[in-house]
PDB file of all heavy atoms in Angstrom:
ATOM      1  N   VAL A   1       5.628  32.558  -5.140  1.00  0.00           N
ATOM      2  CA  VAL A   1       4.659  33.469  -5.741  1.00  0.00           C
ATOM      3  C   VAL A   1       4.337  34.595  -4.769  1.00  0.00           C
ATOM      4  O   VAL A   1       4.669  34.529  -3.593  1.00  0.00           O
ATOM      5  CB  VAL A   1       3.349  32.738  -6.129  1.00  0.00           C
ATOM      6  CG1 VAL A   1       3.604  31.680  -7.176  1.00  0.00           C
ATOM      7  CG2 VAL A   1       2.695  32.131  -4.906  1.00  0.00           C
ATOM      8  N   ALA A   2       3.670  35.613  -5.283  1.00  0.00           N
ATOM      9  CA  ALA A   2       3.200  36.710  -4.440  1.00  0.00           C
ATOM     10  C   ALA A   2       1.876  37.216  -4.992  1.00  0.00           C
ATOM     11  O   ALA A   2       1.739  37.410  -6.195  1.00  0.00           O
ATOM     12  CB  ALA A   2       4.214  37.848  -4.418  1.00  0.00           C
ATOM     13  N   ALA A   3       0.905  37.370  -4.116  1.00  0.00           N
ATOM     14  CA  ALA A   3      -0.358  38.017  -4.472  1.00  0.00           C
ATOM     15  C   ALA A   3      -0.218  39.464  -4.026  1.00  0.00           C
ATOM     16  O   ALA A   3       0.110  39.738  -2.871  1.00  0.00           O
ATOM     17  CB  ALA A   3      -1.540  37.344  -3.780  1.00  0.00           C
ATOM     18  N   LEU A   4      -0.443  40.394  -4.930  1.00  0.00           N
ATOM     19  CA  LEU A   4      -0.199  41.794  -4.616  1.00  0.00           C
ATOM     20  C   LEU A   4      -1.384  42.411  -3.881  1.00  0.00           C
ATOM     21  O   LEU A   4      -2.475  42.563  -4.426  1.00  0.00           O
ATOM     22  CB  LEU A   4       0.106  42.569  -5.899  1.00  0.00           C
ATOM     23  CG  LEU A   4       1.324  42.057  -6.660  1.00  0.00           C
ATOM     24  CD1 LEU A   4       1.538  42.859  -7.929  1.00  0.00           C
ATOM     25  CD2 LEU A   4       2.556  42.095  -5.795  1.00  0.00           C
ATOM     26  N   ASN A   5      -1.161  42.710  -2.637  1.00  0.00           N
ATOM     27  CA  ASN A   5      -2.135  43.387  -1.787  1.00  0.00           C
ATOM     28  C   ASN A   5      -1.322  44.130  -0.733  1.00  0.00           C
ATOM     29  O   ASN A   5      -0.675  43.509   0.103  1.00  0.00           O
ATOM     30  CB  ASN A   5      -3.083  42.386  -1.128  1.00  0.00           C
ATOM     31  CG  ASN A   5      -4.021  43.064  -0.145  1.00  0.00           C
ATOM     32  OD1 ASN A   5      -4.259  44.262  -0.219  1.00  0.00           O
ATOM     33  ND2 ASN A   5      -4.541  42.312   0.793  1.00  0.00           N
ATOM     34  N   VAL A   6      -1.342  45.428  -0.773  1.00  0.00           N
ATOM     35  CA  VAL A   6      -0.468  46.206   0.102  1.00  0.00           C
ATOM     36  C   VAL A   6      -1.069  46.483   1.473  1.00  0.00           C
ATOM     37  O   VAL A   6      -0.373  46.942   2.367  1.00  0.00           O
ATOM     38  CB  VAL A   6      -0.050  47.538  -0.577  1.00  0.00           C
ATOM     39  CG1 VAL A   6       0.798  47.255  -1.799  1.00  0.00           C
ATOM     40  CG2 VAL A   6      -1.253  48.369  -0.951  1.00  0.00           C
ATOM     41  N   THR A   7      -2.360  46.208   1.672  1.00  0.00           N
ATOM     42  CA  THR A   7      -2.980  46.495   2.960  1.00  0.00           C
ATOM     43  C   THR A   7      -2.398  45.619   4.063  1.00  0.00           C
ATOM     44  O   THR A   7      -1.865  46.118   5.044  1.00  0.00           O
ATOM     45  CB  THR A   7      -4.506  46.297   2.887  1.00  0.00           C
ATOM     46  OG1 THR A   7      -5.011  47.085   1.814  1.00  0.00           O
ATOM     47  CG2 THR A   7      -5.180  46.711   4.165  1.00  0.00           C
ATOM     48  N   LYS A   8      -2.505  44.298   3.911  1.00  0.00           N
ATOM     49  CA  LYS A   8      -1.944  43.344   4.868  1.00  0.00           C
ATOM     50  C   LYS A   8      -1.410  42.144   4.097  1.00  0.00           C
ATOM     51  O   LYS A   8      -1.983  41.061   4.137  1.00  0.00           O
ATOM     52  CB  LYS A   8      -3.012  42.894   5.868  1.00  0.00           C
ATOM     53  CG  LYS A   8      -3.508  43.987   6.780  1.00  0.00           C
ATOM     54  CD  LYS A   8      -4.530  43.448   7.764  1.00  0.00           C
ATOM     55  CE  LYS A   8      -5.040  44.573   8.645  1.00  0.00           C
ATOM     56  NZ  LYS A   8      -6.101  44.116   9.539  1.00  0.00           N
ATOM     57  N   PRO A   9      -0.305  42.308   3.381  1.00  0.00           N
ATOM     58  CA  PRO A   9       0.186  41.224   2.518  1.00  0.00           C
ATOM     59  C   PRO A   9       0.523  39.941   3.270  1.00  0.00           C
ATOM     60  O   PRO A   9       0.465  38.861   2.706  1.00  0.00           O
ATOM     61  CB  PRO A   9       1.420  41.818   1.845  1.00  0.00           C
ATOM     62  CG  PRO A   9       1.826  42.962   2.707  1.00  0.00           C
ATOM     63  CD  PRO A   9       0.574  43.466   3.359  1.00  0.00           C
ATOM     64  N   GLU A  10       0.840  40.039   4.548  1.00  0.00           N
ATOM     65  CA  GLU A  10       1.166  38.843   5.333  1.00  0.00           C
ATOM     66  C   GLU A  10      -0.064  37.961   5.561  1.00  0.00           C
ATOM     67  O   GLU A  10       0.056  36.826   6.002  1.00  0.00           O
ATOM     68  CB  GLU A  10       1.813  39.233   6.669  1.00  0.00           C
ATOM     69  CG  GLU A  10       0.880  39.898   7.664  1.00  0.00           C
ATOM     70  CD  GLU A  10       0.657  41.403   7.421  1.00  0.00           C
ATOM     71  OE1 GLU A  10       1.233  41.967   6.482  1.00  0.00           O
ATOM     72  OE2 GLU A  10      -0.095  41.995   8.197  1.00  0.00           O
ATOM     73  N   GLN A  11      -1.260  38.465   5.239  1.00  0.00           N
ATOM     74  CA  GLN A  11      -2.481  37.682   5.406  1.00  0.00           C
ATOM     75  C   GLN A  11      -3.012  37.109   4.087  1.00  0.00           C
ATOM     76  O   GLN A  11      -4.059  36.470   4.057  1.00  0.00           O
ATOM     77  CB  GLN A  11      -3.563  38.528   6.082  1.00  0.00           C
ATOM     78  CG  GLN A  11      -3.218  38.878   7.511  1.00  0.00           C
ATOM     79  CD  GLN A  11      -4.308  39.706   8.183  1.00  0.00           C
ATOM     80  OE1 GLN A  11      -5.358  39.960   7.623  1.00  0.00           O
ATOM     81  NE2 GLN A  11      -4.044  40.120   9.401  1.00  0.00           N
ATOM     82  N   ASN A  12      -2.298  37.339   2.982  1.00  0.00           N
ATOM     83  CA  ASN A  12      -2.704  36.744   1.708  1.00  0.00           C
ATOM     84  C   ASN A  12      -2.636  35.227   1.817  1.00  0.00           C
ATOM     85  O   ASN A  12      -1.752  34.684   2.470  1.00  0.00           O
ATOM     86  CB  ASN A  12      -1.787  37.209   0.576  1.00  0.00           C
ATOM     87  CG  ASN A  12      -1.914  38.686   0.290  1.00  0.00           C
ATOM     88  OD1 ASN A  12      -2.827  39.347   0.752  1.00  0.00           O
ATOM     89  ND2 ASN A  12      -0.984  39.208  -0.471  1.00  0.00           N
ATOM     90  N   GLN A  13      -3.563  34.548   1.168  1.00  0.00           N
ATOM     91  CA  GLN A  13      -3.623  33.085   1.171  1.00  0.00           C
ATOM     92  C   GLN A  13      -3.300  32.573  -0.230  1.00  0.00           C
ATOM     93  O   GLN A  13      -3.511  33.279  -1.221  1.00  0.00           O
ATOM     94  CB  GLN A  13      -5.032  32.616   1.555  1.00  0.00           C
ATOM     95  CG  GLN A  13      -5.483  33.079   2.928  1.00  0.00           C
ATOM     96  CD  GLN A  13      -4.859  32.271   4.029  1.00  0.00           C
ATOM     97  OE1 GLN A  13      -4.870  31.053   3.984  1.00  0.00           O
ATOM     98  NE2 GLN A  13      -4.317  32.943   5.031  1.00  0.00           N
ATOM     99  N   TYR A  14      -2.841  31.323  -0.320  1.00  0.00           N
ATOM    100  CA  TYR A  14      -2.445  30.737  -1.598  1.00  0.00           C
ATOM    101  C   TYR A  14      -2.954  29.307  -1.730  1.00  0.00           C
ATOM    102  O   TYR A  14      -3.086  28.591  -0.733  1.00  0.00           O
ATOM    103  CB  TYR A  14      -0.911  30.741  -1.744  1.00  0.00           C
ATOM    104  CG  TYR A  14      -0.345  32.128  -1.663  1.00  0.00           C
ATOM    105  CD1 TYR A  14       0.060  32.668  -0.446  1.00  0.00           C
ATOM    106  CD2 TYR A  14      -0.251  32.925  -2.792  1.00  0.00           C
ATOM    107  CE1 TYR A  14       0.546  33.958  -0.358  1.00  0.00           C
ATOM    108  CE2 TYR A  14       0.238  34.216  -2.716  1.00  0.00           C
ATOM    109  CZ  TYR A  14       0.629  34.722  -1.497  1.00  0.00           C
ATOM    110  OH  TYR A  14       1.103  35.998  -1.422  1.00  0.00           O
ATOM    111  N   GLN A  15      -3.227  28.921  -2.969  1.00  0.00           N
ATOM    112  CA  GLN A  15      -3.570  27.556  -3.331  1.00  0.00           C
ATOM    113  C   GLN A  15      -2.800  27.222  -4.601  1.00  0.00           C
ATOM    114  O   GLN A  15      -2.586  28.092  -5.444  1.00  0.00           O
ATOM    115  CB  GLN A  15      -5.064  27.398  -3.655  1.00  0.00           C
ATOM    116  CG  GLN A  15      -6.004  27.679  -2.535  1.00  0.00           C
ATOM    117  CD  GLN A  15      -7.462  27.582  -3.006  1.00  0.00           C
ATOM    118  OE1 GLN A  15      -7.767  27.792  -4.169  1.00  0.00           O
ATOM    119  NE2 GLN A  15      -8.340  27.263  -2.080  1.00  0.00           N
ATOM    120  N   TYR A  16      -2.404  25.955  -4.730  1.00  0.00           N
ATOM    121  CA  TYR A  16      -1.780  25.546  -5.981  1.00  0.00           C
ATOM    122  C   TYR A  16      -2.088  24.087  -6.288  1.00  0.00           C
ATOM    123  O   TYR A  16      -2.452  23.306  -5.409  1.00  0.00           O
ATOM    124  CB  TYR A  16      -0.275  25.816  -5.997  1.00  0.00           C
ATOM    125  CG  TYR A  16       0.544  25.126  -4.943  1.00  0.00           C
ATOM    126  CD1 TYR A  16       1.025  23.839  -5.144  1.00  0.00           C
ATOM    127  CD2 TYR A  16       0.879  25.774  -3.761  1.00  0.00           C
ATOM    128  CE1 TYR A  16       1.804  23.212  -4.187  1.00  0.00           C
ATOM    129  CE2 TYR A  16       1.662  25.159  -2.810  1.00  0.00           C
ATOM    130  CZ  TYR A  16       2.117  23.872  -3.023  1.00  0.00           C
ATOM    131  OH  TYR A  16       2.895  23.262  -2.076  1.00  0.00           O
ATOM    132  N   MET A  17      -1.963  23.760  -7.571  1.00  0.00           N
ATOM    133  CA  MET A  17      -2.205  22.407  -8.048  1.00  0.00           C
ATOM    134  C   MET A  17      -1.315  22.152  -9.263  1.00  0.00           C
ATOM    135  O   MET A  17      -1.179  23.019 -10.125  1.00  0.00           O
ATOM    136  CB  MET A  17      -3.673  22.240  -8.477  1.00  0.00           C
ATOM    137  CG  MET A  17      -3.946  20.912  -9.147  1.00  0.00           C
ATOM    138  SD  MET A  17      -5.533  20.799 -10.009  1.00  0.00           S
ATOM    139  CE  MET A  17      -6.675  21.175  -8.736  1.00  0.00           C
ATOM    140  N   LEU A  18      -0.723  20.972  -9.310  1.00  0.00           N
ATOM    141  CA  LEU A  18       0.034  20.556 -10.484  1.00  0.00           C
ATOM    142  C   LEU A  18      -0.843  19.568 -11.244  1.00  0.00           C
ATOM    143  O   LEU A  18      -0.968  18.403 -10.860  1.00  0.00           O
ATOM    144  CB  LEU A  18       1.367  19.910 -10.087  1.00  0.00           C
ATOM    145  CG  LEU A  18       2.317  19.589 -11.227  1.00  0.00           C
ATOM    146  CD1 LEU A  18       2.719  20.847 -11.997  1.00  0.00           C
ATOM    147  CD2 LEU A  18       3.559  18.878 -10.710  1.00  0.00           C
ATOM    148  N   GLU A  19      -1.511  20.073 -12.283  1.00  0.00           N
ATOM    149  CA  GLU A  19      -2.404  19.221 -13.074  1.00  0.00           C
ATOM    150  C   GLU A  19      -1.588  18.124 -13.740  1.00  0.00           C
ATOM    151  O   GLU A  19      -0.514  18.371 -14.267  1.00  0.00           O
ATOM    152  CB  GLU A  19      -3.142  20.033 -14.130  1.00  0.00           C
ATOM    153  CG  GLU A  19      -4.197  20.928 -13.546  1.00  0.00           C
ATOM    154  CD  GLU A  19      -4.983  21.684 -14.613  1.00  0.00           C
ATOM    155  OE1 GLU A  19      -4.520  21.813 -15.773  1.00  0.00           O
ATOM    156  OE2 GLU A  19      -6.070  22.161 -14.268  1.00  0.00           O
ATOM    157  N   GLY A  20      -2.102  16.921 -13.694  1.00  0.00           N
ATOM    158  CA  GLY A  20      -1.388  15.762 -14.208  1.00  0.00           C
ATOM    159  C   GLY A  20      -0.628  15.045 -13.106  1.00  0.00           C
ATOM    160  O   GLY A  20      -0.079  13.968 -13.322  1.00  0.00           O
ATOM    161  N   PHE A  21      -0.595  15.632 -11.896  1.00  0.00           N
ATOM    162  CA  PHE A  21       0.099  15.035 -10.757  1.00  0.00           C
ATOM    163  C   PHE A  21      -0.788  15.070  -9.512  1.00  0.00           C
ATOM    164  O   PHE A  21      -1.031  14.047  -8.889  1.00  0.00           O
ATOM    165  CB  PHE A  21       1.418  15.767 -10.509  1.00  0.00           C
ATOM    166  CG  PHE A  21       2.313  15.101  -9.503  1.00  0.00           C
ATOM    167  CD1 PHE A  21       3.062  13.993  -9.852  1.00  0.00           C
ATOM    168  CD2 PHE A  21       2.421  15.607  -8.216  1.00  0.00           C
ATOM    169  CE1 PHE A  21       3.889  13.375  -8.919  1.00  0.00           C
ATOM    170  CE2 PHE A  21       3.248  15.005  -7.283  1.00  0.00           C
ATOM    171  CZ  PHE A  21       3.981  13.885  -7.638  1.00  0.00           C
ATOM    172  N   ASP A  22      -1.277  16.252  -9.138  1.00  0.00           N
ATOM    173  CA  ASP A  22      -2.152  16.398  -7.968  1.00  0.00           C
ATOM    174  C   ASP A  22      -3.597  16.067  -8.333  1.00  0.00           C
ATOM    175  O   ASP A  22      -4.037  16.298  -9.453  1.00  0.00           O
ATOM    176  CB  ASP A  22      -2.114  17.846  -7.441  1.00  0.00           C
ATOM    177  CG  ASP A  22      -0.787  18.205  -6.813  1.00  0.00           C
ATOM    178  OD1 ASP A  22      -0.106  17.312  -6.287  1.00  0.00           O
ATOM    179  OD2 ASP A  22      -0.431  19.399  -6.864  1.00  0.00           O
ATOM    180  N   LYS A  23      -4.334  15.574  -7.347  1.00  0.00           N
ATOM    181  CA  LYS A  23      -5.751  15.284  -7.555  1.00  0.00           C
ATOM    182  C   LYS A  23      -6.649  16.432  -7.091  1.00  0.00           C
ATOM    183  O   LYS A  23      -7.817  16.489  -7.436  1.00  0.00           O
ATOM    184  CB  LYS A  23      -6.128  13.997  -6.829  1.00  0.00           C
ATOM    185  CG  LYS A  23      -5.406  12.774  -7.371  1.00  0.00           C
ATOM    186  CD  LYS A  23      -5.961  11.512  -6.792  1.00  0.00           C
ATOM    187  CE  LYS A  23      -5.232  10.264  -7.197  1.00  0.00           C
ATOM    188  NZ  LYS A  23      -4.632  10.165  -8.456  1.00  0.00           N
ATOM    189  N   ALA A  24      -6.109  17.340  -6.290  1.00  0.00           N
ATOM    190  CA  ALA A  24      -6.903  18.453  -5.753  1.00  0.00           C
ATOM    191  C   ALA A  24      -5.976  19.637  -5.475  1.00  0.00           C
ATOM    192  O   ALA A  24      -4.751  19.507  -5.484  1.00  0.00           O
ATOM    193  CB  ALA A  24      -7.599  18.022  -4.461  1.00  0.00           C
ATOM    194  N   TRP A  25      -6.589  20.779  -5.228  1.00  0.00           N
ATOM    195  CA  TRP A  25      -5.831  21.984  -4.868  1.00  0.00           C
ATOM    196  C   TRP A  25      -5.165  21.778  -3.507  1.00  0.00           C
ATOM    197  O   TRP A  25      -5.759  21.220  -2.587  1.00  0.00           O
ATOM    198  CB  TRP A  25      -6.756  23.187  -4.778  1.00  0.00           C
ATOM    199  CG  TRP A  25      -7.195  23.695  -6.110  1.00  0.00           C
ATOM    200  CD1 TRP A  25      -8.324  23.335  -6.784  1.00  0.00           C
ATOM    201  CD2 TRP A  25      -6.515  24.642  -6.924  1.00  0.00           C
ATOM    202  NE1 TRP A  25      -8.379  24.004  -7.980  1.00  0.00           N
ATOM    203  CE2 TRP A  25      -7.290  24.820  -8.091  1.00  0.00           C
ATOM    204  CE3 TRP A  25      -5.337  25.356  -6.791  1.00  0.00           C
ATOM    205  CZ2 TRP A  25      -6.911  25.689  -9.110  1.00  0.00           C
ATOM    206  CZ3 TRP A  25      -4.967  26.222  -7.809  1.00  0.00           C
ATOM    207  CH2 TRP A  25      -5.745  26.379  -8.943  1.00  0.00           C
ATOM    208  N   TYR A  26      -3.928  22.262  -3.378  1.00  0.00           N
ATOM    209  CA  TYR A  26      -3.227  22.267  -2.093  1.00  0.00           C
ATOM    210  C   TYR A  26      -3.464  23.615  -1.443  1.00  0.00           C
ATOM    211  O   TYR A  26      -3.195  24.660  -2.035  1.00  0.00           O
ATOM    212  CB  TYR A  26      -1.726  22.032  -2.291  1.00  0.00           C
ATOM    213  CG  TYR A  26      -0.947  22.117  -1.011  1.00  0.00           C
ATOM    214  CD1 TYR A  26      -1.015  21.099  -0.077  1.00  0.00           C
ATOM    215  CD2 TYR A  26      -0.171  23.234  -0.725  1.00  0.00           C
ATOM    216  CE1 TYR A  26      -0.326  21.174   1.116  1.00  0.00           C
ATOM    217  CE2 TYR A  26       0.530  23.318   0.462  1.00  0.00           C
ATOM    218  CZ  TYR A  26       0.450  22.292   1.377  1.00  0.00           C
ATOM    219  OH  TYR A  26       1.130  22.374   2.556  1.00  0.00           O
ATOM    220  N   GLU A  27      -3.991  23.599  -0.241  1.00  0.00           N
ATOM    221  CA  GLU A  27      -4.254  24.826   0.520  1.00  0.00           C
ATOM    222  C   GLU A  27      -2.968  25.196   1.253  1.00  0.00           C
ATOM    223  O   GLU A  27      -2.643  24.620   2.293  1.00  0.00           O
ATOM    224  CB  GLU A  27      -5.391  24.599   1.524  1.00  0.00           C
ATOM    225  CG  GLU A  27      -6.690  24.133   0.903  1.00  0.00           C
ATOM    226  CD  GLU A  27      -7.425  25.236   0.167  1.00  0.00           C
ATOM    227  OE1 GLU A  27      -7.167  26.422   0.441  1.00  0.00           O
ATOM    228  OE2 GLU A  27      -8.249  24.899  -0.695  1.00  0.00           O
ATOM    229  N   ALA A  28      -2.235  26.160   0.727  1.00  0.00           N
ATOM    230  CA  ALA A  28      -0.929  26.516   1.285  1.00  0.00           C
ATOM    231  C   ALA A  28      -1.013  27.554   2.403  1.00  0.00           C
ATOM    232  O   ALA A  28      -0.005  27.840   3.039  1.00  0.00           O
ATOM    233  CB  ALA A  28      -0.021  27.031   0.177  1.00  0.00           C
ATOM    234  N   GLY A  29      -2.192  28.132   2.636  1.00  0.00           N
ATOM    235  CA  GLY A  29      -2.310  29.178   3.647  1.00  0.00           C
ATOM    236  C   GLY A  29      -1.480  30.387   3.244  1.00  0.00           C
ATOM    237  O   GLY A  29      -1.515  30.818   2.104  1.00  0.00           O
ATOM    238  N   VAL A  30      -0.687  30.907   4.165  1.00  0.00           N
ATOM    239  CA  VAL A  30       0.131  32.092   3.886  1.00  0.00           C
ATOM    240  C   VAL A  30       1.497  31.729   3.300  1.00  0.00           C
ATOM    241  O   VAL A  30       2.278  32.610   2.958  1.00  0.00           O
ATOM    242  CB  VAL A  30       0.309  32.968   5.149  1.00  0.00           C
ATOM    243  CG1 VAL A  30      -1.033  33.491   5.632  1.00  0.00           C
ATOM    244  CG2 VAL A  30       1.023  32.208   6.254  1.00  0.00           C
ATOM    245  N   LYS A  31       1.780  30.435   3.175  1.00  0.00           N
ATOM    246  CA  LYS A  31       3.052  29.979   2.606  1.00  0.00           C
ATOM    247  C   LYS A  31       3.092  30.310   1.122  1.00  0.00           C
ATOM    248  O   LYS A  31       2.213  29.922   0.365  1.00  0.00           O
ATOM    249  CB  LYS A  31       3.198  28.476   2.825  1.00  0.00           C
ATOM    250  CG  LYS A  31       4.519  27.934   2.418  1.00  0.00           C
ATOM    251  CD  LYS A  31       4.589  26.449   2.737  1.00  0.00           C
ATOM    252  CE  LYS A  31       5.818  25.858   2.094  1.00  0.00           C
ATOM    253  NZ  LYS A  31       5.799  24.407   2.126  1.00  0.00           N
ATOM    254  N   ARG A  32       4.129  31.019   0.691  1.00  0.00           N
ATOM    255  CA  ARG A  32       4.221  31.530  -0.680  1.00  0.00           C
ATOM    256  C   ARG A  32       5.061  30.664  -1.616  1.00  0.00           C
ATOM    257  O   ARG A  32       5.352  31.061  -2.730  1.00  0.00           O
ATOM    258  CB  ARG A  32       4.814  32.934  -0.660  1.00  0.00           C
ATOM    259  CG  ARG A  32       3.968  33.945   0.071  1.00  0.00           C
ATOM    260  CD  ARG A  32       4.589  35.325   0.094  1.00  0.00           C
ATOM    261  NE  ARG A  32       5.359  35.599  -1.100  1.00  0.00           N
ATOM    262  CZ  ARG A  32       6.557  36.179  -1.105  1.00  0.00           C
ATOM    263  NH1 ARG A  32       7.130  36.542   0.019  1.00  0.00           N
ATOM    264  NH2 ARG A  32       7.185  36.410  -2.235  1.00  0.00           N
ATOM    265  N   ASN A  33       5.476  29.485  -1.168  1.00  0.00           N
ATOM    266  CA  ASN A  33       6.309  28.660  -2.030  1.00  0.00           C
ATOM    267  C   ASN A  33       5.880  27.198  -1.943  1.00  0.00           C
ATOM    268  O   ASN A  33       5.127  26.802  -1.073  1.00  0.00           O
ATOM    269  CB  ASN A  33       7.793  28.827  -1.684  1.00  0.00           C
ATOM    270  CG  ASN A  33       8.077  28.509  -0.233  1.00  0.00           C
ATOM    271  OD1 ASN A  33       7.203  28.096   0.510  1.00  0.00           O
ATOM    272  ND2 ASN A  33       9.311  28.726   0.174  1.00  0.00           N
ATOM    273  N   GLY A  34       6.368  26.424  -2.901  1.00  0.00           N
ATOM    274  CA  GLY A  34       6.077  24.998  -2.937  1.00  0.00           C
ATOM    275  C   GLY A  34       7.182  24.263  -3.660  1.00  0.00           C
ATOM    276  O   GLY A  34       8.082  24.872  -4.248  1.00  0.00           O
ATOM    277  N   ARG A  35       7.106  22.929  -3.615  1.00  0.00           N
ATOM    278  CA  ARG A  35       8.147  22.095  -4.232  1.00  0.00           C
ATOM    279  C   ARG A  35       7.523  20.802  -4.725  1.00  0.00           C
ATOM    280  O   ARG A  35       6.678  20.227  -4.050  1.00  0.00           O
ATOM    281  CB  ARG A  35       9.234  21.784  -3.218  1.00  0.00           C
ATOM    282  CG  ARG A  35      10.308  20.854  -3.720  1.00  0.00           C
ATOM    283  CD  ARG A  35      11.330  20.552  -2.628  1.00  0.00           C
ATOM    284  NE  ARG A  35      12.223  19.486  -3.010  1.00  0.00           N
ATOM    285  CZ  ARG A  35      13.360  19.653  -3.666  1.00  0.00           C
ATOM    286  NH1 ARG A  35      13.750  20.867  -3.998  1.00  0.00           N
ATOM    287  NH2 ARG A  35      14.119  18.621  -3.980  1.00  0.00           N
ATOM    288  N   TYR A  36       7.970  20.369  -5.880  1.00  0.00           N
ATOM    289  CA  TYR A  36       7.592  19.066  -6.426  1.00  0.00           C
ATOM    290  C   TYR A  36       8.873  18.318  -6.758  1.00  0.00           C
ATOM    291  O   TYR A  36       9.831  18.902  -7.263  1.00  0.00           O
ATOM    292  CB  TYR A  36       6.750  19.219  -7.693  1.00  0.00           C
ATOM    293  CG  TYR A  36       5.333  19.645  -7.404  1.00  0.00           C
ATOM    294  CD1 TYR A  36       4.980  20.983  -7.428  1.00  0.00           C
ATOM    295  CD2 TYR A  36       4.356  18.704  -7.098  1.00  0.00           C
ATOM    296  CE1 TYR A  36       3.681  21.375  -7.152  1.00  0.00           C
ATOM    297  CE2 TYR A  36       3.054  19.086  -6.818  1.00  0.00           C
ATOM    298  CZ  TYR A  36       2.725  20.425  -6.852  1.00  0.00           C
ATOM    299  OH  TYR A  36       1.438  20.809  -6.569  1.00  0.00           O
ATOM    300  N   SER A  37       8.909  17.014  -6.480  1.00  0.00           N
ATOM    301  CA  SER A  37      10.078  16.209  -6.810  1.00  0.00           C
ATOM    302  C   SER A  37       9.627  14.815  -7.240  1.00  0.00           C
ATOM    303  O   SER A  37       8.510  14.400  -6.975  1.00  0.00           O
ATOM    304  CB  SER A  37      11.031  16.121  -5.617  1.00  0.00           C
ATOM    305  OG  SER A  37      10.393  15.495  -4.527  1.00  0.00           O
ATOM    306  N   GLY A  38      10.523  14.116  -7.913  1.00  0.00           N
ATOM    307  CA  GLY A  38      10.232  12.766  -8.361  1.00  0.00           C
ATOM    308  C   GLY A  38       9.158  12.695  -9.434  1.00  0.00           C
ATOM    309  O   GLY A  38       8.428  11.711  -9.511  1.00  0.00           O
ATOM    310  N   LEU A  39       9.072  13.725 -10.264  1.00  0.00           N
ATOM    311  CA  LEU A  39       8.038  13.753 -11.300  1.00  0.00           C
ATOM    312  C   LEU A  39       8.381  12.783 -12.425  1.00  0.00           C
ATOM    313  O   LEU A  39       9.485  12.814 -12.957  1.00  0.00           O
ATOM    314  CB  LEU A  39       7.903  15.164 -11.879  1.00  0.00           C
ATOM    315  CG  LEU A  39       7.411  16.236 -10.923  1.00  0.00           C
ATOM    316  CD1 LEU A  39       7.533  17.614 -11.564  1.00  0.00           C
ATOM    317  CD2 LEU A  39       5.972  15.954 -10.520  1.00  0.00           C
ATOM    318  N   PRO A  40       7.429  11.929 -12.808  1.00  0.00           N
ATOM    319  CA  PRO A  40       7.661  11.063 -13.963  1.00  0.00           C
ATOM    320  C   PRO A  40       7.647  11.881 -15.250  1.00  0.00           C
ATOM    321  O   PRO A  40       7.152  13.011 -15.275  1.00  0.00           O
ATOM    322  CB  PRO A  40       6.489  10.079 -13.929  1.00  0.00           C
ATOM    323  CG  PRO A  40       5.518  10.581 -12.935  1.00  0.00           C
ATOM    324  CD  PRO A  40       6.176  11.674 -12.148  1.00  0.00           C
ATOM    325  N   GLY A  41       8.179  11.313 -16.323  1.00  0.00           N
ATOM    326  CA  GLY A  41       8.173  11.991 -17.605  1.00  0.00           C
ATOM    327  C   GLY A  41       6.757  12.362 -18.015  1.00  0.00           C
ATOM    328  O   GLY A  41       5.815  11.614 -17.759  1.00  0.00           O
ATOM    329  N   GLY A  42       6.602  13.535 -18.597  1.00  0.00           N
ATOM    330  CA  GLY A  42       5.282  13.975 -19.037  1.00  0.00           C
ATOM    331  C   GLY A  42       5.168  15.485 -19.026  1.00  0.00           C
ATOM    332  O   GLY A  42       6.137  16.204 -18.783  1.00  0.00           O
ATOM    333  N   SER A  43       3.952  15.955 -19.262  1.00  0.00           N
ATOM    334  CA  SER A  43       3.674  17.385 -19.290  1.00  0.00           C
ATOM    335  C   SER A  43       2.691  17.718 -18.174  1.00  0.00           C
ATOM    336  O   SER A  43       1.698  17.001 -17.976  1.00  0.00           O
ATOM    337  CB  SER A  43       3.087  17.770 -20.649  1.00  0.00           C
ATOM    338  OG  SER A  43       2.883  19.156 -20.712  1.00  0.00           O
TER     339      SER A  43
END
């Protein structure tokens, strides 16, 4: 993902959550990507 901010884009922060799998938001910091594996069947 990318949050659009042209002033200092390297300082943008990110959070993500996979509802139905995660119990809380993951604080990714400046990391712009993530990965999920081994997901059971479902939505």
